[in-house]
N, C-alpha and C. Protein backbone atom coordinates (compact mmCIF):
# COMPACT_ATOMS: atom_id res chain seq x y z
N MET A 1 204.34 75.45 58.53
CA MET A 1 203.91 74.85 59.78
C MET A 1 202.76 75.67 60.36
N LYS A 2 201.92 75.02 61.11
CA LYS A 2 200.75 75.65 61.73
C LYS A 2 201.17 76.32 63.05
N ILE A 3 200.26 77.11 63.60
CA ILE A 3 200.58 77.90 64.79
C ILE A 3 200.97 77.03 65.98
N GLY A 4 200.31 75.89 66.17
CA GLY A 4 200.66 75.02 67.29
C GLY A 4 202.08 74.48 67.18
N GLU A 5 202.47 74.15 65.97
CA GLU A 5 203.82 73.62 65.76
C GLU A 5 204.88 74.68 65.98
N ILE A 6 204.66 75.88 65.44
CA ILE A 6 205.66 76.94 65.61
C ILE A 6 205.71 77.38 67.08
N ALA A 7 204.57 77.33 67.75
CA ALA A 7 204.54 77.67 69.18
C ALA A 7 205.39 76.67 69.96
N ARG A 8 205.22 75.40 69.67
CA ARG A 8 205.99 74.36 70.37
C ARG A 8 207.48 74.49 70.06
N MET A 9 207.81 74.69 68.78
CA MET A 9 209.21 74.74 68.38
C MET A 9 209.93 76.00 68.88
N SER A 10 209.20 77.09 69.03
CA SER A 10 209.81 78.35 69.47
C SER A 10 209.76 78.55 70.97
N GLY A 11 208.88 77.81 71.64
CA GLY A 11 208.70 78.00 73.08
C GLY A 11 207.85 79.23 73.40
N VAL A 12 207.12 79.73 72.40
CA VAL A 12 206.26 80.90 72.57
C VAL A 12 204.81 80.43 72.43
N PRO A 13 203.95 80.70 73.41
CA PRO A 13 202.56 80.26 73.32
C PRO A 13 201.86 80.79 72.07
N ALA A 14 200.93 80.00 71.54
CA ALA A 14 200.22 80.37 70.31
C ALA A 14 199.54 81.74 70.45
N GLU A 15 198.95 82.01 71.60
CA GLU A 15 198.30 83.31 71.82
C GLU A 15 199.31 84.45 71.69
N THR A 16 200.52 84.23 72.17
CA THR A 16 201.57 85.24 72.09
C THR A 16 202.05 85.40 70.66
N VAL A 17 202.11 84.31 69.91
CA VAL A 17 202.48 84.38 68.50
C VAL A 17 201.50 85.31 67.78
N ARG A 18 200.21 85.10 68.00
CA ARG A 18 199.19 85.96 67.37
C ARG A 18 199.35 87.41 67.82
N TYR A 19 199.67 87.61 69.10
CA TYR A 19 199.87 88.97 69.62
C TYR A 19 201.06 89.63 68.93
N TYR A 20 202.17 88.92 68.78
CA TYR A 20 203.34 89.48 68.11
C TYR A 20 203.03 89.85 66.67
N GLU A 21 202.17 89.07 66.01
CA GLU A 21 201.73 89.43 64.67
C GLU A 21 200.93 90.73 64.72
N LYS A 22 200.02 90.80 65.66
CA LYS A 22 199.13 91.95 65.78
C LYS A 22 199.90 93.25 65.99
N ILE A 23 200.97 93.21 66.79
CA ILE A 23 201.73 94.43 67.08
C ILE A 23 202.89 94.64 66.11
N GLY A 24 203.05 93.74 65.15
CA GLY A 24 204.05 93.93 64.11
C GLY A 24 205.45 93.45 64.40
N LEU A 25 205.66 92.72 65.50
CA LEU A 25 206.99 92.16 65.76
C LEU A 25 207.25 90.94 64.88
N LEU A 26 206.19 90.28 64.50
CA LEU A 26 206.28 89.09 63.65
C LEU A 26 205.48 89.36 62.38
N PRO A 27 206.10 89.18 61.21
CA PRO A 27 205.34 89.40 59.98
C PRO A 27 204.18 88.42 59.87
N ALA A 28 203.11 88.88 59.27
CA ALA A 28 201.95 88.02 59.07
C ALA A 28 202.33 86.86 58.16
N PRO A 29 201.95 85.66 58.54
CA PRO A 29 202.26 84.50 57.69
C PRO A 29 201.28 84.39 56.53
N ALA A 30 201.64 83.59 55.56
CA ALA A 30 200.72 83.27 54.48
C ALA A 30 199.58 82.44 55.07
N ARG A 31 198.49 82.37 54.34
CA ARG A 31 197.36 81.54 54.76
C ARG A 31 197.20 80.41 53.76
N ASP A 32 196.90 79.23 54.26
CA ASP A 32 196.67 78.11 53.34
C ASP A 32 195.24 78.20 52.80
N ALA A 33 194.85 77.26 51.96
CA ALA A 33 193.55 77.30 51.29
C ALA A 33 192.39 77.32 52.28
N SER A 34 192.57 76.72 53.44
CA SER A 34 191.49 76.70 54.42
C SER A 34 191.56 77.89 55.39
N GLY A 35 192.50 78.80 55.17
CA GLY A 35 192.58 80.01 55.99
C GLY A 35 193.49 79.92 57.20
N TYR A 36 194.12 78.78 57.41
CA TYR A 36 195.02 78.63 58.55
C TYR A 36 196.34 79.34 58.26
N ARG A 37 196.94 79.89 59.32
CA ARG A 37 198.26 80.51 59.19
C ARG A 37 199.28 79.43 58.80
N SER A 38 200.20 79.81 57.93
CA SER A 38 201.25 78.89 57.49
C SER A 38 202.60 79.57 57.69
N TYR A 39 203.32 79.15 58.74
CA TYR A 39 204.59 79.78 59.11
C TYR A 39 205.76 79.09 58.45
N GLY A 40 206.82 79.86 58.23
CA GLY A 40 208.03 79.32 57.65
C GLY A 40 209.20 79.44 58.60
N PRO A 41 210.39 79.02 58.15
CA PRO A 41 211.59 79.07 58.97
C PRO A 41 211.94 80.48 59.46
N ALA A 42 211.68 81.50 58.64
CA ALA A 42 211.98 82.87 59.06
C ALA A 42 211.12 83.29 60.25
N HIS A 43 209.87 82.84 60.28
CA HIS A 43 208.99 83.13 61.41
C HIS A 43 209.53 82.47 62.69
N LEU A 44 209.97 81.22 62.56
CA LEU A 44 210.52 80.51 63.71
C LEU A 44 211.77 81.21 64.23
N GLU A 45 212.65 81.61 63.33
CA GLU A 45 213.87 82.32 63.73
C GLU A 45 213.53 83.63 64.44
N ARG A 46 212.56 84.37 63.90
CA ARG A 46 212.15 85.64 64.51
C ARG A 46 211.55 85.41 65.89
N LEU A 47 210.71 84.40 66.05
CA LEU A 47 210.11 84.11 67.36
C LEU A 47 211.17 83.73 68.39
N ARG A 48 212.13 82.96 67.99
CA ARG A 48 213.22 82.60 68.91
C ARG A 48 214.02 83.83 69.31
N PHE A 49 214.26 84.72 68.37
CA PHE A 49 214.97 85.98 68.65
C PHE A 49 214.17 86.80 69.66
N ILE A 50 212.88 86.96 69.41
CA ILE A 50 212.02 87.73 70.31
C ILE A 50 212.01 87.10 71.69
N ARG A 51 211.90 85.76 71.75
CA ARG A 51 211.88 85.07 73.05
C ARG A 51 213.18 85.33 73.82
N ARG A 52 214.32 85.27 73.13
CA ARG A 52 215.60 85.54 73.81
C ARG A 52 215.64 86.97 74.34
N CYS A 53 215.16 87.92 73.54
CA CYS A 53 215.12 89.32 73.98
C CYS A 53 214.21 89.48 75.19
N ARG A 54 213.04 88.84 75.17
CA ARG A 54 212.12 88.92 76.30
C ARG A 54 212.74 88.28 77.54
N ASN A 55 213.50 87.21 77.35
CA ASN A 55 214.19 86.58 78.48
C ASN A 55 215.20 87.53 79.11
N LEU A 56 215.68 88.50 78.34
CA LEU A 56 216.58 89.53 78.85
C LEU A 56 215.79 90.74 79.34
N ASP A 57 214.48 90.59 79.41
CA ASP A 57 213.55 91.60 79.90
C ASP A 57 213.53 92.86 79.03
N MET A 58 213.76 92.69 77.75
CA MET A 58 213.70 93.83 76.84
C MET A 58 212.24 94.14 76.53
N ALA A 59 211.96 95.42 76.42
CA ALA A 59 210.62 95.89 76.10
C ALA A 59 210.33 95.70 74.61
N GLN A 60 209.06 95.75 74.26
CA GLN A 60 208.68 95.58 72.87
C GLN A 60 209.36 96.58 71.94
N GLU A 61 209.46 97.81 72.38
CA GLU A 61 210.09 98.83 71.51
C GLU A 61 211.58 98.56 71.34
N GLU A 62 212.22 98.05 72.37
CA GLU A 62 213.64 97.68 72.23
C GLU A 62 213.78 96.54 71.22
N ILE A 63 212.91 95.56 71.32
CA ILE A 63 212.95 94.43 70.39
C ILE A 63 212.66 94.92 68.97
N ARG A 64 211.68 95.79 68.83
CA ARG A 64 211.33 96.34 67.53
C ARG A 64 212.55 97.04 66.90
N GLU A 65 213.28 97.79 67.71
CA GLU A 65 214.46 98.49 67.21
C GLU A 65 215.56 97.50 66.83
N LEU A 66 215.76 96.47 67.62
CA LEU A 66 216.76 95.45 67.29
C LEU A 66 216.39 94.73 65.99
N ILE A 67 215.11 94.47 65.79
CA ILE A 67 214.67 93.85 64.54
C ILE A 67 214.94 94.78 63.37
N ARG A 68 214.65 96.07 63.57
CA ARG A 68 214.90 97.05 62.51
C ARG A 68 216.38 97.07 62.16
N LEU A 69 217.23 97.05 63.17
CA LEU A 69 218.67 97.05 62.95
C LEU A 69 219.12 95.75 62.29
N THR A 70 218.54 94.63 62.68
CA THR A 70 218.87 93.33 62.10
C THR A 70 218.55 93.31 60.61
N ASP A 71 217.49 94.00 60.24
CA ASP A 71 217.08 94.02 58.84
C ASP A 71 218.02 94.84 57.95
N ASN A 72 219.02 95.48 58.54
CA ASN A 72 220.02 96.24 57.78
C ASN A 72 221.41 95.73 58.19
N PRO A 73 221.77 94.52 57.76
CA PRO A 73 222.98 93.85 58.25
C PRO A 73 224.30 94.55 57.91
N GLU A 74 224.32 95.44 56.94
CA GLU A 74 225.54 96.12 56.55
C GLU A 74 225.76 97.41 57.33
N ALA A 75 224.80 97.81 58.13
CA ALA A 75 224.90 99.06 58.89
C ALA A 75 225.88 98.91 60.05
N ASP A 76 226.35 100.05 60.54
CA ASP A 76 227.21 100.10 61.72
C ASP A 76 226.41 99.58 62.92
N CYS A 77 227.05 98.79 63.77
CA CYS A 77 226.33 98.18 64.90
C CYS A 77 226.31 99.07 66.14
N SER A 78 226.69 100.33 66.02
CA SER A 78 226.69 101.21 67.19
C SER A 78 225.28 101.40 67.76
N GLY A 79 224.26 101.30 66.92
CA GLY A 79 222.89 101.41 67.41
C GLY A 79 222.52 100.26 68.32
N VAL A 80 223.01 99.07 67.99
CA VAL A 80 222.77 97.90 68.82
C VAL A 80 223.46 98.08 70.18
N ASP A 81 224.70 98.55 70.13
CA ASP A 81 225.46 98.77 71.36
C ASP A 81 224.78 99.83 72.22
N ALA A 82 224.32 100.90 71.61
CA ALA A 82 223.65 101.97 72.36
C ALA A 82 222.37 101.47 73.01
N LEU A 83 221.62 100.66 72.29
CA LEU A 83 220.39 100.11 72.85
C LEU A 83 220.69 99.21 74.04
N LEU A 84 221.70 98.37 73.90
CA LEU A 84 222.06 97.47 75.00
C LEU A 84 222.59 98.27 76.20
N THR A 85 223.35 99.31 75.95
CA THR A 85 223.86 100.16 77.03
C THR A 85 222.71 100.78 77.80
N GLN A 86 221.71 101.27 77.07
CA GLN A 86 220.54 101.88 77.71
C GLN A 86 219.76 100.83 78.50
N HIS A 87 219.60 99.65 77.94
CA HIS A 87 218.87 98.59 78.64
C HIS A 87 219.62 98.16 79.91
N LEU A 88 220.92 98.06 79.81
CA LEU A 88 221.74 97.69 80.96
C LEU A 88 221.62 98.72 82.08
N GLU A 89 221.58 100.00 81.73
CA GLU A 89 221.40 101.03 82.76
C GLU A 89 220.03 100.91 83.41
N HIS A 90 219.03 100.58 82.62
CA HIS A 90 217.69 100.38 83.18
C HIS A 90 217.71 99.20 84.16
N VAL A 91 218.37 98.12 83.80
CA VAL A 91 218.47 96.95 84.69
C VAL A 91 219.19 97.34 85.98
N ARG A 92 220.26 98.10 85.85
CA ARG A 92 220.99 98.54 87.06
C ARG A 92 220.12 99.41 87.96
N GLU A 93 219.32 100.28 87.36
CA GLU A 93 218.42 101.11 88.14
C GLU A 93 217.39 100.25 88.86
N ARG A 94 216.84 99.24 88.18
CA ARG A 94 215.89 98.34 88.82
C ARG A 94 216.55 97.58 89.97
N LEU A 95 217.82 97.20 89.80
CA LEU A 95 218.53 96.52 90.89
C LEU A 95 218.65 97.44 92.11
N ARG A 96 218.94 98.72 91.86
CA ARG A 96 219.02 99.68 92.98
C ARG A 96 217.65 99.79 93.66
N GLU A 97 216.59 99.85 92.86
CA GLU A 97 215.24 99.94 93.42
C GLU A 97 214.90 98.69 94.22
N LEU A 98 215.29 97.53 93.71
CA LEU A 98 215.01 96.28 94.42
C LEU A 98 215.79 96.19 95.72
N THR A 99 217.01 96.70 95.74
CA THR A 99 217.80 96.73 96.97
C THR A 99 217.11 97.61 98.01
N SER A 100 216.61 98.76 97.57
CA SER A 100 215.89 99.64 98.47
C SER A 100 214.61 98.98 98.96
N LEU A 101 213.92 98.30 98.08
CA LEU A 101 212.71 97.58 98.47
C LEU A 101 213.02 96.50 99.48
N GLU A 102 214.11 95.77 99.27
CA GLU A 102 214.51 94.73 100.21
C GLU A 102 214.77 95.32 101.59
N GLN A 103 215.46 96.43 101.63
CA GLN A 103 215.77 97.07 102.92
C GLN A 103 214.49 97.51 103.62
N THR A 104 213.56 98.07 102.86
CA THR A 104 212.29 98.51 103.45
C THR A 104 211.51 97.32 104.00
N LEU A 105 211.47 96.23 103.25
CA LEU A 105 210.76 95.03 103.71
C LEU A 105 211.41 94.44 104.95
N MET A 106 212.73 94.48 105.01
CA MET A 106 213.43 93.98 106.20
C MET A 106 213.11 94.85 107.41
N GLN A 107 213.01 96.17 107.21
CA GLN A 107 212.66 97.06 108.31
C GLN A 107 211.23 96.78 108.79
N LEU A 108 210.33 96.56 107.85
CA LEU A 108 208.96 96.24 108.23
C LEU A 108 208.91 94.93 109.00
N GLN A 109 209.64 93.94 108.52
CA GLN A 109 209.64 92.64 109.18
C GLN A 109 210.23 92.75 110.58
N ALA A 110 211.23 93.59 110.76
CA ALA A 110 211.85 93.78 112.07
C ALA A 110 210.88 94.43 113.06
N ALA A 111 209.86 95.11 112.53
CA ALA A 111 208.89 95.77 113.41
C ALA A 111 207.90 94.78 114.03
N CYS A 112 208.00 93.54 113.65
CA CYS A 112 207.06 92.54 114.15
C CYS A 112 207.75 91.64 115.16
N SER A 113 207.06 91.39 116.21
CA SER A 113 207.56 90.40 117.16
C SER A 113 206.45 89.37 117.35
N SER A 114 206.82 88.16 117.55
CA SER A 114 205.84 87.08 117.64
C SER A 114 204.98 87.23 118.89
N GLY A 115 203.85 86.57 118.84
CA GLY A 115 202.97 86.56 120.01
C GLY A 115 202.03 87.74 120.08
N ARG A 116 201.95 88.53 119.03
CA ARG A 116 201.04 89.68 119.04
C ARG A 116 199.79 89.36 118.23
N THR A 117 198.79 90.18 118.42
CA THR A 117 197.58 90.05 117.61
C THR A 117 197.74 90.88 116.34
N VAL A 118 196.86 90.66 115.40
CA VAL A 118 196.91 91.43 114.15
C VAL A 118 196.78 92.92 114.45
N SER A 119 195.96 93.29 115.40
CA SER A 119 195.78 94.71 115.72
C SER A 119 197.06 95.33 116.29
N GLU A 120 197.97 94.50 116.81
CA GLU A 120 199.24 94.99 117.36
C GLU A 120 200.41 94.79 116.39
N CYS A 121 200.15 94.30 115.21
CA CYS A 121 201.19 93.93 114.27
C CYS A 121 201.97 95.16 113.79
N GLY A 122 203.26 95.13 114.02
CA GLY A 122 204.12 96.25 113.61
C GLY A 122 204.23 96.38 112.10
N ILE A 123 204.14 95.27 111.40
CA ILE A 123 204.21 95.31 109.93
C ILE A 123 203.00 96.06 109.38
N LEU A 124 201.80 95.64 109.81
CA LEU A 124 200.60 96.30 109.32
C LEU A 124 200.55 97.76 109.74
N SER A 125 201.00 98.04 110.94
CA SER A 125 201.05 99.43 111.41
C SER A 125 201.97 100.25 110.50
N GLY A 126 203.11 99.69 110.17
CA GLY A 126 204.05 100.39 109.29
C GLY A 126 203.48 100.60 107.90
N LEU A 127 202.73 99.62 107.41
CA LEU A 127 202.13 99.76 106.08
C LEU A 127 201.02 100.80 106.07
N HIS A 128 200.36 100.97 107.21
CA HIS A 128 199.30 101.98 107.29
C HIS A 128 199.83 103.38 107.50
N THR A 129 201.00 103.52 108.12
CA THR A 129 201.45 104.85 108.52
C THR A 129 202.75 105.32 107.88
N ASP A 130 203.58 104.43 107.41
CA ASP A 130 204.91 104.82 106.93
C ASP A 130 204.83 105.49 105.56
N THR A 131 205.15 106.78 105.55
CA THR A 131 205.13 107.52 104.28
C THR A 131 206.49 107.49 103.59
N SER A 132 207.46 106.84 104.20
CA SER A 132 208.80 106.80 103.59
C SER A 132 208.98 105.57 102.70
N LEU A 133 207.92 104.78 102.54
CA LEU A 133 208.04 103.60 101.69
C LEU A 133 208.29 104.04 100.25
N PRO A 134 209.15 103.33 99.53
CA PRO A 134 209.43 103.71 98.15
C PRO A 134 208.21 103.50 97.26
N ASP A 135 208.15 104.27 96.19
CA ASP A 135 207.06 104.14 95.22
C ASP A 135 207.56 103.30 94.06
N PRO A 136 207.31 101.98 94.09
CA PRO A 136 207.84 101.12 93.04
C PRO A 136 207.20 101.39 91.69
N GLY A 137 206.06 102.05 91.66
CA GLY A 137 205.40 102.35 90.39
C GLY A 137 206.05 103.48 89.63
N ALA A 138 206.94 104.21 90.27
CA ALA A 138 207.55 105.37 89.62
C ALA A 138 208.30 105.00 88.35
N SER A 139 209.03 103.90 88.37
CA SER A 139 209.75 103.50 87.16
C SER A 139 209.57 102.01 86.89
N HIS A 140 208.51 101.47 87.41
CA HIS A 140 208.27 100.03 87.29
C HIS A 140 207.75 99.68 85.90
N ILE A 141 208.24 98.59 85.37
CA ILE A 141 207.75 98.09 84.09
C ILE A 141 206.77 96.96 84.37
N PRO A 142 205.52 97.10 83.88
CA PRO A 142 204.54 96.04 84.13
C PRO A 142 205.04 94.71 83.60
N GLY A 143 204.74 93.66 84.33
CA GLY A 143 205.08 92.32 83.87
C GLY A 143 206.45 91.84 84.28
N THR A 144 207.19 92.62 85.07
CA THR A 144 208.53 92.20 85.43
C THR A 144 208.55 91.28 86.64
N HIS A 145 207.40 91.02 87.24
CA HIS A 145 207.35 90.11 88.38
C HIS A 145 207.07 88.68 87.96
N GLY A 146 206.94 88.43 86.69
CA GLY A 146 206.69 87.07 86.20
C GLY A 146 205.79 87.12 84.99
N PRO A 147 205.46 85.97 84.50
CA PRO A 147 204.64 85.92 83.29
C PRO A 147 203.31 86.61 83.47
N GLY A 148 202.97 87.40 82.52
CA GLY A 148 201.69 88.07 82.49
C GLY A 148 201.05 87.77 81.14
N PRO A 149 200.00 88.50 80.80
CA PRO A 149 199.36 88.25 79.51
C PRO A 149 200.34 88.49 78.37
N ASN A 150 200.31 87.64 77.41
CA ASN A 150 201.13 87.78 76.20
C ASN A 150 202.61 87.80 76.48
N ARG A 151 203.01 87.16 77.54
CA ARG A 151 204.43 87.09 77.84
C ARG A 151 204.80 85.65 78.08
N GLU A 152 205.84 85.20 77.43
CA GLU A 152 206.21 83.81 77.61
C GLU A 152 207.01 83.62 78.86
């Protein structure tokens, strides 16, 4: 199948399919006589696996490790469990950070009362002066706010 067909069947945009090939998450397909990529069922299965992992917000390296483990089906699955445990802790940490962010935003919003001018806005004043705001970049993973480049 051609890239458009595998993209449609997997739910992964064609540009992302090419990106996954480039970074080695997806093996390079054979090329037909005219040079077009020719994907098979194994490519489709791998893309669906990657898409499910990305839907769980797994990073490329986590997916790469899961693929490596998948390629050794007789091995002990403790590596898979350890990876998921680590990912789950990361998700829990992000939830704690988001709770803190929510509280900070609520405090900023409470600083505003209607009927004021922008120059009197408590929210903007807080954003200009409050040094206690959390630093979301400290452990933030790019692309977690929604689709970005090469992300389905």
